[in-house]
Structure formats: C-alpha cells, structure tokens
Amino acid sequence: MKDLHGIIFAYRESPNLRELAQVRNACSVPFGGRYRLIDFALSNLVNAGVDDVGLIVHSSYQSLLDHVGSGKDWDLSRKHGGLRILPPFGYSGTNVSSEHYRGRMEALAGVRSYLQKIRQDYVFLCSGDLAANLPISEAFEQHLSSGADITAICVPSTTSDPQRTTYFTLGENNKVTDITVGPNVPSGIVSLECYILSKSLLLSLVDRCATHNAHSFNQGVLLGMGDQLDIRAFMFDGYAAHLMAIGGYFIRSMELLDPRVRASLFNPERPIKTKDMSNPSTIYGTEAHSVNSMISDGCVIEGTVINSILSREVRVEKGAVVENCILLQGTTVQAGATLRYTITDKNVRVCQGRMLMGHGTYPMVIAKNQIV
C-alpha cells in the first residue's frame, strides 16, 4: 500500500507492568513466547503493504532497539524509506518535554520535521503495545471510500480498565457522534487508539495542539475538535489486547492457550513476524510431561509443564513442576522446584526445591537475572 505511512508510538512507560518494565518499555515486553508486543504493530503494517514506518521512542528503549534492529526481519531494512527510529534528542529544537512525552501530540510535535518529509498522503497512527492482528488494508479502503477525516479502528468491547479507555457512540454509516475518555463505566464501542488520516490534516492538528498546549490526541483532537471532524469507526471483530498492568498481562497471556484466540491473533493470512533467533528444536526428556502449553524453540523439558507459556531457551529439570506460569527467555527451573502463577523475566534461575506461588489475579513476578 504505497500511499500509507506508519507511525508507531513506542515511548509509553508502564510502571504497572512492574518488574517486566524495569529494563524495557512496554513495546518490547515479551508476549506469547516467541514475540514482543512491537512485533504486532510492525507486522500489521507490513502485511498491509506499508514499507515506510517511523518508530517514536523516548526512554528505556535499548531493549527495543536490540529487538527490531534495522527492521530486516520485517522486510523494513531499505535504502530508501523502511524503518526509522525517531528518538527525542534528534529534535531538541522543539518545545517538547525533556523528561518524557506527555501525549501523542507532543510526541508528534517532537518529530514534526520527519512528518513533513513523509512521501505518502496518508498516515496510520498506532500504539506499539497493542497485541492484535489488524486488517489495516481494509480499514484504509473504508477510509478512502467514506471520505472521513479520521478513521478509528474499534472493537465492540474490551476487558481493559474503563478509566484508561476511549469510547465512541456511533450514528449512521459508523460516524462517531459522541466521545467518552476514561469514564468510570464502559460507554459504547472501544477505540484501539489506531487512526488513519491524511498527512496534511495530521500536520495541521499537530500545529494546533502545539499552540493550544494540548499534549494528548484524546484531549487535543478527539475531545477538542471531535465536533469539527468527520470521524468514522472501522469495526474489528478479532482478538485485541492492550497490556498495561501485570494482572492483565498474565490473564491475556493465558488466553493464548485457547486455540480460537491463537487463530485470531496468529492469522496465517497476515503472519506475525519476529526477530529470527535460529534456535534448535525443543528437547523433551524421557520423563517430561507437557499439557496445554506453548513452548518455544530451544527449550529443554525434563519435568512437568501444565497450562504455561515458555519462551526460548527455558530449561525445566527433572522433578520440577511449572503450572500456570509464564517463563521468559533463558529461565532455568532446577530439579524439585515448583512454580504456580509465576512470571519470570529473562535469565532467572529458580534453585532446587524452591516453591513460588502467586495468584491468577496477582501473579508473582521475578525480575531479570535473579536467582531465587
């Protein structure tokens, strides 16, 4: 799709993700064993034929850069266009907060010179921490045919916290007639914070918000100008998850054990790509026992794994029991240890005979490189 440019917001910090967000921002948090959250945004754009993508970052993005690299694994390593990393220090001349971006419009103001050089006439804005397999090409076709100023990708409902969610009320032809941001109770269909609009409109909105000291897209554009713009909804009926807190991260990860959820999120017609690690196949010992689990390449399973998600190079030794857990890359569970409702970050070692137990709504989380 040669007339659409992708902008991914990858600057948001998520302290409610606790230990998982101590060494990385939300977009590089692992999800589903082999993947990072940023993989979904990049893959969605590439699957729609978008080959120019800007990735807006601010702080704690070393892990993100290590993962995406030049964009080669998504076919975005190109001499002209491709993937561009947009850090804040490249635009120090703008009137932008030096500590962190206070909202999307401030982030866009910080990269305004980049926006001016975009070759395409239309721009797709999205979050880098959304796990969804979006039909962007269909949404873009609707945007062009409807003549809307802004097209928002929406879902009928979500399990996200209403106070962190934007809701739309629709009229004829999916035209947005009312907008509610952060209510106490759900009110209408849910915006996934993915928007399509023209480059010229985007630049005018960035300038207007900058002059009115409006930092966020919700406040500055949706609430500030919603009655002046033709905003339409594109309804998406697939799986979508914004992962903002550790409880939600655990629940939504466990949903991947449902084949119907996996079929929606990992649609073979729109494949989700990730960094190639070239790991060997997983090895199962003679006494290994695995039930209803997602186990990535490069693991060694000699104990029991039940209802769990294991990333690459995880080792579960003989006599160890892992149940309802998420173990990230390089975790070792030594012989006789028992883990239930536990999340381990990268390179954690759980020593022999240890017992770690959390709860389904509040899992235990072990930080990166820890020995327990």
Protein backbone atom coordinates (compact mmCIF):
# COMPACT_ATOMS: atom_id res chain seq x y z
CA MET A 1 0.00 0.00 0.00
CA LYS A 2 2.18 2.76 -1.34
CA ASP A 3 0.07 5.72 -0.14
CA LEU A 4 0.08 4.89 3.58
CA HIS A 5 2.83 5.65 6.10
CA GLY A 6 3.06 4.03 9.55
CA ILE A 7 3.81 5.86 12.80
CA ILE A 8 4.21 3.64 15.88
CA PHE A 9 4.21 5.23 19.34
CA ALA A 10 6.79 3.27 21.34
CA TYR A 11 7.58 5.74 24.11
CA ARG A 12 5.00 4.82 26.73
CA GLU A 13 6.26 3.62 30.11
CA SER A 14 4.07 1.17 32.04
CA PRO A 15 5.01 1.04 35.73
CA ASN A 16 2.00 -1.22 36.37
CA LEU A 17 3.86 -3.93 34.45
CA ARG A 18 6.20 -3.93 37.45
CA GLU A 19 9.42 -5.94 37.04
CA LEU A 20 8.80 -6.54 33.32
CA ALA A 21 9.06 -2.81 32.62
CA GLN A 22 12.09 -2.08 34.79
CA VAL A 23 14.59 -2.69 31.99
CA ARG A 24 12.41 -2.07 28.92
CA ASN A 25 9.46 -0.03 27.76
CA ALA A 26 6.07 -1.61 27.22
CA CYS A 27 6.56 -2.21 23.48
CA SER A 28 9.45 -4.62 23.99
CA VAL A 29 7.73 -6.72 26.67
CA PRO A 30 7.67 -10.40 25.55
CA PHE A 31 4.26 -11.88 24.72
CA GLY A 32 3.22 -15.30 23.53
CA GLY A 33 6.59 -17.00 23.97
CA ARG A 34 8.48 -16.01 20.80
CA TYR A 35 7.18 -12.47 20.33
CA ARG A 36 7.48 -8.92 21.62
CA LEU A 37 4.50 -6.56 21.61
CA ILE A 38 6.13 -4.36 18.95
CA ASP A 39 6.04 -7.33 16.55
CA PHE A 40 2.28 -6.96 16.11
CA ALA A 41 2.36 -3.30 15.07
CA LEU A 42 5.27 -3.85 12.67
CA SER A 43 3.72 -6.98 11.16
CA ASN A 44 0.30 -5.35 10.78
CA LEU A 45 1.81 -2.53 8.75
CA VAL A 46 4.00 -4.78 6.61
CA ASN A 47 1.08 -7.13 5.93
CA ALA A 48 -0.86 -4.13 4.59
CA GLY A 49 1.96 -3.27 2.19
CA VAL A 50 3.29 -0.34 4.23
CA ASP A 51 7.06 -0.13 3.79
CA ASP A 52 7.79 3.26 5.44
CA VAL A 53 7.48 3.18 9.24
CA GLY A 54 8.55 5.67 11.92
CA LEU A 55 9.08 4.36 15.46
CA ILE A 56 8.79 7.13 18.07
CA VAL A 57 10.82 6.34 21.21
CA HIS A 58 11.87 8.35 24.24
CA SER A 59 13.49 6.42 27.08
CA SER A 60 14.32 2.83 28.15
CA TYR A 61 14.38 1.75 24.52
CA GLN A 62 17.68 -0.16 24.33
CA SER A 63 15.85 -3.48 24.54
CA LEU A 64 13.51 -2.33 21.78
CA LEU A 65 16.41 -1.36 19.51
CA ASP A 66 18.14 -4.68 20.15
CA HIS A 67 14.99 -6.46 19.04
CA VAL A 68 13.97 -4.51 15.93
CA GLY A 69 17.50 -3.71 14.72
CA SER A 70 17.37 -2.38 11.17
CA GLY A 71 13.92 -3.90 10.58
CA LYS A 72 15.33 -6.69 8.42
CA ASP A 73 13.12 -9.41 9.94
CA TRP A 74 10.04 -7.42 8.84
CA ASP A 75 11.47 -6.54 5.41
CA LEU A 76 11.88 -2.92 6.50
CA SER A 77 15.65 -2.61 6.02
CA ARG A 78 15.72 -0.46 2.90
CA LYS A 79 17.96 2.08 1.25
CA HIS A 80 15.01 4.46 0.83
CA GLY A 81 12.32 4.52 3.50
CA GLY A 82 11.90 1.40 5.59
CA LEU A 83 12.10 1.57 9.39
CA ARG A 84 13.20 4.82 11.02
CA ILE A 85 13.88 5.14 14.75
CA LEU A 86 12.80 8.60 15.98
CA PRO A 87 14.48 9.41 19.32
CA PRO A 88 13.77 12.68 21.17
CA PHE A 89 17.32 14.05 21.04
CA GLY A 90 17.08 14.32 17.28
CA TYR A 91 14.56 17.13 17.65
CA SER A 92 15.88 19.15 20.58
CA GLY A 93 14.89 22.42 18.94
CA THR A 94 11.20 21.82 19.53
CA ASN A 95 9.27 22.86 22.62
CA VAL A 96 8.91 19.33 23.96
CA SER A 97 9.26 17.97 27.50
CA SER A 98 12.77 16.58 28.02
CA GLU A 99 11.73 14.04 30.66
CA HIS A 100 9.02 12.17 28.76
CA TYR A 101 6.32 12.75 26.19
CA ARG A 102 3.10 13.79 27.87
CA GLY A 103 0.96 12.54 25.00
CA ARG A 104 0.84 11.60 21.35
CA MET A 105 0.52 15.13 20.02
CA GLU A 106 3.62 16.24 21.93
CA ALA A 107 5.45 13.20 20.56
CA LEU A 108 4.38 14.11 17.02
CA ALA A 109 5.43 17.73 17.57
CA GLY A 110 8.84 16.39 18.54
CA VAL A 111 9.21 14.69 15.16
CA ARG A 112 7.45 17.30 13.04
CA SER A 113 10.36 17.64 10.63
CA TYR A 114 10.09 13.90 9.97
CA LEU A 115 6.35 14.21 9.34
CA GLN A 116 6.94 16.92 6.76
CA LYS A 117 9.19 14.60 4.75
CA ILE A 118 6.70 11.72 4.62
CA ARG A 119 6.23 10.71 0.98
CA GLN A 120 2.76 9.24 1.38
CA ASP A 121 -0.52 11.19 1.53
CA TYR A 122 -1.97 9.22 4.45
CA VAL A 123 -0.68 8.17 7.87
CA PHE A 124 -1.60 5.27 10.16
CA LEU A 125 -1.06 6.02 13.87
CA CYS A 126 -0.91 3.14 16.35
CA SER A 127 0.47 2.03 19.72
CA GLY A 128 3.40 -0.34 19.87
CA ASP A 129 1.98 -2.19 22.87
CA LEU A 130 -1.23 -3.46 21.25
CA ALA A 131 -1.48 -7.20 20.60
CA ALA A 132 -3.82 -7.58 17.63
CA ASN A 133 -3.77 -8.80 14.04
CA LEU A 134 -5.40 -5.85 12.27
CA PRO A 135 -6.68 -5.74 8.66
CA ILE A 136 -5.18 -2.31 8.01
CA SER A 137 -5.68 -2.51 4.26
CA GLU A 138 -9.45 -2.99 4.74
CA ALA A 139 -9.58 -0.05 7.17
CA PHE A 140 -7.69 2.12 4.69
CA GLU A 141 -10.07 1.21 1.87
CA GLN A 142 -13.02 2.19 4.08
CA HIS A 143 -11.30 5.46 4.95
CA LEU A 144 -10.85 6.39 1.29
CA SER A 145 -14.37 5.38 0.26
CA SER A 146 -16.11 7.08 3.20
CA GLY A 147 -14.37 10.44 2.79
CA ALA A 148 -13.85 10.63 6.56
CA ASP A 149 -11.29 12.95 8.12
CA ILE A 150 -10.22 10.27 10.59
CA THR A 151 -10.94 6.54 10.69
CA ALA A 152 -10.58 4.84 14.07
CA ILE A 153 -10.19 1.07 14.42
CA CYS A 154 -12.56 -0.12 17.13
CA VAL A 155 -13.79 -3.27 18.85
CA PRO A 156 -17.24 -3.88 20.38
CA SER A 157 -15.86 -4.32 23.90
CA THR A 158 -12.69 -4.94 25.88
CA THR A 159 -11.55 -6.07 29.32
CA SER A 160 -9.31 -3.01 29.75
CA ASP A 161 -9.76 -0.57 32.62
CA PRO A 162 -12.54 1.85 31.52
CA GLN A 163 -10.66 4.80 33.03
CA ARG A 164 -7.82 4.15 30.56
CA THR A 165 -10.09 3.59 27.58
CA THR A 166 -11.71 5.78 24.90
CA TYR A 167 -15.30 5.00 23.90
CA PHE A 168 -17.29 6.07 20.83
CA THR A 169 -21.02 6.31 20.21
CA LEU A 170 -21.88 5.71 16.56
CA GLY A 171 -24.56 7.07 14.29
CA GLU A 172 -25.34 6.43 10.63
CA ASN A 173 -22.52 4.95 8.49
CA ASN A 174 -20.39 4.38 11.61
CA LYS A 175 -19.98 8.12 12.12
CA VAL A 176 -18.82 8.98 15.65
CA THR A 177 -21.45 11.11 17.37
CA ASP A 178 -20.08 11.12 20.90
CA ILE A 179 -16.69 10.52 22.51
CA THR A 180 -16.03 9.50 26.11
CA VAL A 181 -12.50 9.32 27.51
CA GLY A 182 -11.77 7.42 30.72
CA PRO A 183 -15.27 7.02 32.20
CA ASN A 184 -15.96 5.08 35.38
CA VAL A 185 -18.04 2.52 33.48
CA PRO A 186 -17.87 1.39 29.82
CA SER A 187 -19.83 3.59 27.43
CA GLY A 188 -20.03 2.48 23.77
CA ILE A 189 -17.58 0.79 21.43
CA VAL A 190 -13.87 0.80 22.25
CA SER A 191 -11.16 2.64 20.35
CA LEU A 192 -7.94 0.66 19.86
CA GLU A 193 -6.10 4.00 19.51
CA CYS A 194 -5.30 3.23 15.86
CA TYR A 195 -6.19 6.05 13.49
CA ILE A 196 -5.93 6.77 9.74
CA LEU A 197 -5.83 10.36 8.49
CA SER A 198 -4.19 12.43 5.80
CA LYS A 199 -0.69 13.81 6.21
CA SER A 200 -1.93 17.36 5.69
CA LEU A 201 -4.59 17.00 8.39
CA LEU A 202 -2.08 15.44 10.77
CA LEU A 203 0.34 18.35 10.37
CA SER A 204 -2.43 20.88 10.96
CA LEU A 205 -3.57 19.02 14.09
CA VAL A 206 -0.01 18.87 15.42
CA ASP A 207 0.38 22.63 14.95
CA ARG A 208 -2.98 23.40 16.50
CA CYS A 209 -2.34 21.25 19.56
CA ALA A 210 1.13 22.76 19.98
CA THR A 211 -0.27 26.31 20.01
CA HIS A 212 -3.04 25.32 22.45
CA ASN A 213 -0.68 23.38 24.77
CA ALA A 214 -2.65 20.17 24.17
CA HIS A 215 -0.39 17.15 24.61
CA SER A 216 -2.69 14.18 24.05
CA PHE A 217 -4.59 13.00 20.98
CA ASN A 218 -7.67 12.29 23.06
CA GLN A 219 -7.88 15.72 24.65
CA GLY A 220 -6.49 17.83 21.83
CA VAL A 221 -8.13 16.14 18.83
CA LEU A 222 -10.97 13.82 19.81
CA LEU A 223 -12.48 15.96 22.57
CA GLY A 224 -11.08 19.29 21.41
CA MET A 225 -12.11 19.03 17.76
CA GLY A 226 -14.40 16.00 17.55
CA ASP A 227 -17.41 18.13 16.60
CA GLN A 228 -15.47 19.70 13.71
CA LEU A 229 -14.11 16.49 12.21
CA ASP A 230 -15.77 13.62 10.38
CA ILE A 231 -14.60 10.65 12.46
CA ARG A 232 -15.70 7.17 11.40
CA ALA A 233 -15.22 3.79 13.07
CA PHE A 234 -13.86 0.67 11.39
CA MET A 235 -15.18 -2.29 13.37
CA PHE A 236 -12.70 -5.10 14.07
CA ASP A 237 -14.07 -8.36 15.46
CA GLY A 238 -10.79 -10.16 16.22
CA TYR A 239 -8.70 -10.53 19.34
CA ALA A 240 -7.11 -7.35 20.71
CA ALA A 241 -5.32 -6.64 23.98
CA HIS A 242 -3.73 -3.53 25.44
CA LEU A 243 -1.32 -4.74 28.13
CA MET A 244 -0.97 -2.03 30.77
CA ALA A 245 -0.77 -3.88 34.12
CA ILE A 246 0.78 -7.13 35.29
CA GLY A 247 -2.58 -8.72 36.16
CA GLY A 248 -3.94 -8.02 32.69
CA TYR A 249 -0.69 -9.19 31.10
CA PHE A 250 -0.98 -12.55 32.85
CA ILE A 251 -4.66 -13.04 32.02
CA ARG A 252 -4.30 -12.07 28.36
CA SER A 253 -1.22 -14.27 28.00
CA MET A 254 -3.10 -17.25 29.42
CA GLU A 255 -5.87 -16.61 26.87
CA LEU A 256 -3.38 -17.63 24.17
CA LEU A 257 -3.77 -21.23 25.33
CA ASP A 258 -7.26 -21.09 23.75
CA PRO A 259 -6.95 -22.27 20.10
CA ARG A 260 -9.60 -19.76 19.00
CA VAL A 261 -7.59 -16.85 20.38
CA ARG A 262 -4.41 -18.11 18.72
CA ALA A 263 -6.25 -18.50 15.41
CA SER A 264 -7.37 -14.86 15.57
CA LEU A 265 -4.07 -13.39 16.71
CA PHE A 266 -1.80 -15.51 14.52
CA ASN A 267 -3.85 -15.50 11.33
CA PRO A 268 -1.71 -17.19 8.64
CA GLU A 269 -3.11 -14.81 6.03
CA ARG A 270 -1.49 -11.95 7.98
CA PRO A 271 1.57 -13.57 9.63
CA ILE A 272 3.12 -12.03 12.73
CA LYS A 273 6.88 -11.81 12.27
CA THR A 274 9.55 -11.53 14.95
CA LYS A 275 13.32 -11.45 15.31
CA ASP A 276 14.95 -14.61 13.95
CA MET A 277 16.93 -16.33 16.72
CA SER A 278 17.64 -19.59 14.82
CA ASN A 279 17.17 -21.72 17.92
CA PRO A 280 17.31 -25.53 17.74
CA SER A 281 14.21 -27.61 18.33
CA THR A 282 12.96 -28.17 21.86
CA ILE A 283 14.17 -31.34 23.59
CA TYR A 284 11.82 -33.40 25.76
CA GLY A 285 13.29 -35.84 28.28
CA THR A 286 12.02 -39.35 28.88
CA GLU A 287 10.13 -38.22 32.00
CA ALA A 288 8.85 -34.94 30.57
CA HIS A 289 5.14 -34.16 30.85
CA SER A 290 3.61 -31.22 28.95
CA VAL A 291 -0.11 -30.34 28.93
CA ASN A 292 -1.87 -27.44 27.17
CA SER A 293 1.23 -25.26 26.94
CA MET A 294 3.02 -23.06 24.41
CA ILE A 295 6.71 -23.97 24.35
CA SER A 296 9.14 -22.10 22.11
CA ASP A 297 12.21 -23.39 20.29
CA GLY A 298 15.43 -24.11 22.14
CA CYS A 299 13.88 -25.33 25.40
CA VAL A 300 14.85 -28.42 27.39
CA ILE A 301 11.88 -30.01 29.18
CA GLU A 302 12.61 -32.84 31.61
CA GLY A 303 9.96 -32.07 34.24
CA THR A 304 6.24 -31.17 34.18
CA VAL A 305 4.76 -28.16 32.35
CA ILE A 306 1.00 -27.50 32.60
CA ASN A 307 -1.02 -24.56 31.22
CA SER A 308 2.10 -22.45 30.76
CA ILE A 309 3.91 -20.33 28.19
CA LEU A 310 7.67 -20.81 27.81
CA SER A 311 9.93 -18.54 25.79
CA ARG A 312 13.12 -19.64 24.04
CA GLU A 313 15.90 -21.48 25.88
CA VAL A 314 13.91 -22.26 29.03
CA ARG A 315 15.04 -25.32 30.99
CA VAL A 316 12.76 -27.33 33.29
CA GLU A 317 14.77 -30.00 35.08
CA LYS A 318 13.65 -33.43 36.31
CA GLY A 319 11.11 -33.33 39.12
CA ALA A 320 10.34 -29.64 38.58
CA VAL A 321 6.69 -28.57 38.18
CA VAL A 322 5.63 -25.47 36.24
CA GLU A 323 1.89 -24.78 36.26
CA ASN A 324 0.01 -21.67 35.08
CA CYS A 325 3.27 -19.77 34.56
CA ILE A 326 4.98 -17.52 32.03
CA LEU A 327 8.74 -18.16 31.81
CA LEU A 328 10.75 -15.75 29.68
CA GLN A 329 13.93 -16.47 27.74
CA GLY A 330 16.75 -18.30 29.49
CA THR A 331 14.85 -19.19 32.67
CA THR A 332 16.06 -22.32 34.47
CA VAL A 333 13.83 -24.21 36.92
CA GLN A 334 16.03 -26.65 38.76
CA ALA A 335 15.13 -30.13 39.96
CA GLY A 336 12.34 -30.37 42.55
CA ALA A 337 11.24 -26.71 42.27
CA THR A 338 7.54 -25.86 41.96
CA LEU A 339 6.16 -22.73 40.26
CA ARG A 340 2.50 -21.75 40.09
CA TYR A 341 1.06 -18.45 38.84
CA THR A 342 4.55 -17.05 38.42
CA ILE A 343 6.18 -14.85 35.76
CA THR A 344 9.96 -14.98 35.43
CA ASP A 345 11.86 -12.42 33.38
CA LYS A 346 14.92 -13.31 31.28
CA ASN A 347 17.75 -15.45 32.69
CA VAL A 348 16.10 -16.20 36.05
CA ARG A 349 17.29 -19.26 37.95
CA VAL A 350 14.96 -20.98 40.43
CA CYS A 351 17.06 -23.22 42.65
CA GLN A 352 16.35 -26.79 43.69
CA GLY A 353 13.36 -27.41 45.92
CA ARG A 354 12.07 -23.82 45.84
CA MET A 355 8.32 -23.18 45.76
CA LEU A 356 6.98 -19.97 44.20
CA MET A 357 3.25 -19.34 44.12
CA GLY A 358 1.20 -16.31 43.13
CA HIS A 359 -2.45 -15.93 42.19
CA GLY A 360 -4.33 -15.71 38.90
CA THR A 361 -5.19 -12.06 39.51
CA TYR A 362 -1.85 -11.13 41.10
CA PRO A 363 0.96 -13.38 39.87
CA MET A 364 4.40 -13.47 41.43
CA VAL A 365 6.98 -11.74 39.21
CA ILE A 366 10.73 -12.41 39.35
CA ALA A 367 12.93 -9.69 37.87
CA LYS A 368 15.57 -10.24 35.18
CA ASN A 369 18.77 -12.12 36.09
CA GLN A 370 17.58 -13.00 39.59
CA ILE A 371 18.50 -16.21 41.43
CA VAL A 372 15.77 -17.49 43.74
